[in-house]
Protein backbone atom coordinates (compact mmCIF):
# COMPACT_ATOMS: atom_id res chain seq x y z
CA MET A 1 -87.94 -101.49 114.20
CA ARG A 2 -91.07 -102.11 116.08
CA LEU A 3 -94.59 -102.37 114.81
CA GLU A 4 -97.53 -100.86 116.41
CA GLY A 5 -100.38 -102.84 117.86
CA ARG A 6 -103.73 -102.19 119.68
CA ILE A 7 -105.26 -104.14 122.43
CA GLY A 8 -108.80 -103.74 124.03
CA LYS A 9 -111.20 -105.69 126.12
CA HIS A 10 -114.08 -107.11 124.20
CA GLY A 11 -116.55 -109.03 126.46
CA ARG A 12 -114.52 -111.53 128.38
CA TYR A 13 -111.60 -111.46 126.14
CA TRP A 14 -108.57 -109.09 125.24
CA ALA A 15 -108.19 -108.60 121.53
CA ALA A 16 -104.70 -107.79 120.25
CA ASP A 17 -104.33 -106.38 116.60
CA VAL A 18 -101.08 -105.57 114.57
CA SER A 19 -102.84 -104.42 111.58
CA MET A 20 -99.57 -103.55 109.69
CA ILE A 21 -98.97 -107.30 109.21
CA GLY A 22 -102.49 -108.56 109.38
CA VAL A 23 -102.40 -110.28 112.80
CA PHE A 24 -105.29 -110.38 115.07
CA THR A 25 -105.73 -112.61 118.17
CA GLN A 26 -107.21 -112.65 121.60
CA GLY A 27 -106.70 -114.07 125.06
CA ARG A 28 -108.56 -114.29 128.47
CA THR A 29 -106.10 -111.85 130.04
CA LYS A 30 -103.98 -108.98 128.68
CA LYS A 31 -100.75 -111.09 129.20
CA GLU A 32 -102.30 -114.08 127.48
CA ALA A 33 -103.29 -111.71 124.48
CA PHE A 34 -99.73 -110.45 124.20
CA ASP A 35 -98.57 -113.87 124.26
CA MET A 36 -100.89 -114.88 121.67
CA VAL A 37 -99.91 -112.00 119.31
CA ALA A 38 -96.31 -113.01 119.63
CA ASP A 39 -97.10 -116.59 118.96
CA ALA A 40 -99.15 -115.74 115.90
CA ILE A 41 -96.66 -113.40 114.28
CA GLU A 42 -93.93 -116.17 114.87
CA ALA A 43 -96.13 -118.68 113.23
CA VAL A 44 -97.12 -116.58 110.10
CA VAL A 45 -93.47 -115.55 109.49
CA ASN A 46 -92.63 -119.28 109.87
CA LYS A 47 -88.92 -119.21 110.15
CA GLU A 48 -87.08 -121.38 112.53
CA GLY A 49 -85.68 -119.42 115.47
CA PHE A 50 -87.66 -116.29 114.82
CA LYS A 51 -88.78 -114.72 118.01
CA VAL A 52 -91.08 -111.77 118.67
CA LYS A 53 -91.14 -109.54 121.83
CA VAL A 54 -94.13 -107.49 122.86
CA TYR A 55 -93.64 -104.13 124.43
CA PRO A 56 -96.66 -103.05 126.43
CA GLY A 57 -97.44 -99.39 126.14
CA ARG A 58 -99.92 -97.09 127.68
CA GLY A 59 -103.71 -97.50 127.20
CA ASP A 60 -104.49 -99.68 124.25
CA TYR A 61 -101.06 -99.17 122.53
CA PHE A 62 -98.33 -101.78 122.44
CA GLU A 63 -95.38 -102.50 120.01
CA VAL A 64 -93.94 -105.79 118.71
CA GLY A 65 -90.34 -106.26 117.54
CA SER A 66 -87.71 -108.77 116.83
CA GLU A 67 -84.03 -108.94 117.08
CA ASP A 68 -84.06 -110.47 113.57
CA GLN A 69 -84.92 -107.37 111.87
CA ARG A 70 -84.24 -108.67 108.37
CA THR A 71 -86.97 -111.45 108.79
CA LEU A 72 -89.38 -109.02 110.28
CA ILE A 73 -89.02 -106.37 107.43
CA ALA A 74 -89.02 -109.03 104.82
CA TYR A 75 -92.35 -110.45 106.16
CA LEU A 76 -93.84 -106.98 106.39
CA LEU A 77 -93.05 -106.16 102.73
CA ARG A 78 -94.38 -109.41 101.48
CA TRP A 79 -97.58 -108.98 103.37
CA GLN A 80 -98.11 -105.37 102.35
CA ARG A 81 -97.42 -106.22 98.76
CA ALA A 82 -99.72 -109.24 98.87
CA LYS A 83 -102.57 -107.14 100.48
CA SER A 84 -102.00 -104.31 97.68
CA GLY A 85 -102.31 -107.11 95.11
CA LEU A 86 -99.06 -106.12 93.45
CA THR A 87 -96.39 -108.24 91.75
CA LEU A 88 -92.62 -107.87 92.35
CA ILE A 89 -92.40 -106.27 88.94
CA GLU A 90 -95.05 -103.78 89.54
CA VAL A 91 -93.47 -102.57 92.82
CA SER A 92 -90.10 -102.41 91.29
CA ARG A 93 -91.60 -100.22 88.48
CA ARG A 94 -93.02 -97.88 91.14
CA MET A 95 -89.64 -97.51 92.68
CA GLY A 96 -88.03 -96.86 89.36
CA MET A 97 -85.88 -99.90 89.62
CA LYS A 98 -84.40 -101.55 86.46
CA SER A 99 -84.66 -105.08 87.88
CA HIS A 100 -87.37 -106.52 90.27
CA ASN A 101 -84.56 -108.61 91.79
CA THR A 102 -83.33 -105.61 93.80
CA TYR A 103 -86.81 -105.34 95.53
CA ALA A 104 -87.08 -109.14 95.89
CA ARG A 105 -83.86 -109.14 98.03
CA TYR A 106 -85.74 -106.90 100.56
CA GLU A 107 -88.61 -109.32 100.53
CA GLN A 108 -86.40 -112.45 100.91
CA GLY A 109 -84.54 -110.82 103.74
CA THR A 110 -81.17 -111.03 102.08
CA ALA A 111 -80.84 -107.19 102.11
CA ILE A 112 -82.21 -104.73 104.82
CA PRO A 113 -83.26 -101.35 103.82
CA THR A 114 -82.25 -98.05 105.65
CA ILE A 115 -85.27 -96.16 107.12
CA GLU A 116 -85.30 -94.00 103.98
CA GLN A 117 -85.40 -96.88 101.68
CA LEU A 118 -88.13 -98.58 103.80
CA ASN A 119 -90.29 -95.43 103.49
CA ARG A 120 -89.84 -95.54 99.76
CA LEU A 121 -90.67 -99.18 99.69
CA PHE A 122 -94.02 -98.68 101.74
CA SER A 123 -94.88 -95.80 99.47
CA ALA A 124 -94.46 -97.95 96.34
CA VAL A 125 -96.25 -101.10 97.76
CA CYS A 126 -99.07 -99.10 99.38
CA GLY A 127 -99.51 -96.28 96.94
CA LYS A 128 -99.30 -93.63 99.83
CA ASP A 129 -96.58 -91.86 101.52
CA PHE A 130 -95.27 -93.31 104.83
CA VAL A 131 -92.79 -91.82 107.31
CA LEU A 132 -91.24 -94.31 109.52
CA THR A 133 -88.65 -93.17 112.01
CA GLU A 134 -86.12 -94.91 114.10
CA CYS A 135 -86.66 -95.20 117.78
CA ALA A 136 -84.20 -95.64 120.55
CA ALA A 137 -83.91 -99.25 121.74
């Protein structure tokens, strides 16, 4: 899974934003901004050995991803839930789960959801429909 980012020149600096996980940074060059966004994501995830790769795209578009999908998805779910101001129990209820531990395993990275489950999780956390798709590596 990769997350979408945007980059643009603002004055003398390149600003890079991965809004889905609340990461915004800048650099003097486009390459430096990409390096900074990878470093910022690794810092907020704060797990030893976790690495992020930036995939430049066309125009202002880029993507970030990691070989450690569990950790990236876990952080994404935690951040989105915190942003929404929901508790684990509230998200679990929205999902129709009997136990909040089921959802908690996704946030802890001990379980990894399928694309369909991830769409349902985002819909429950954010209160609106999401359609994530798998992309070819």
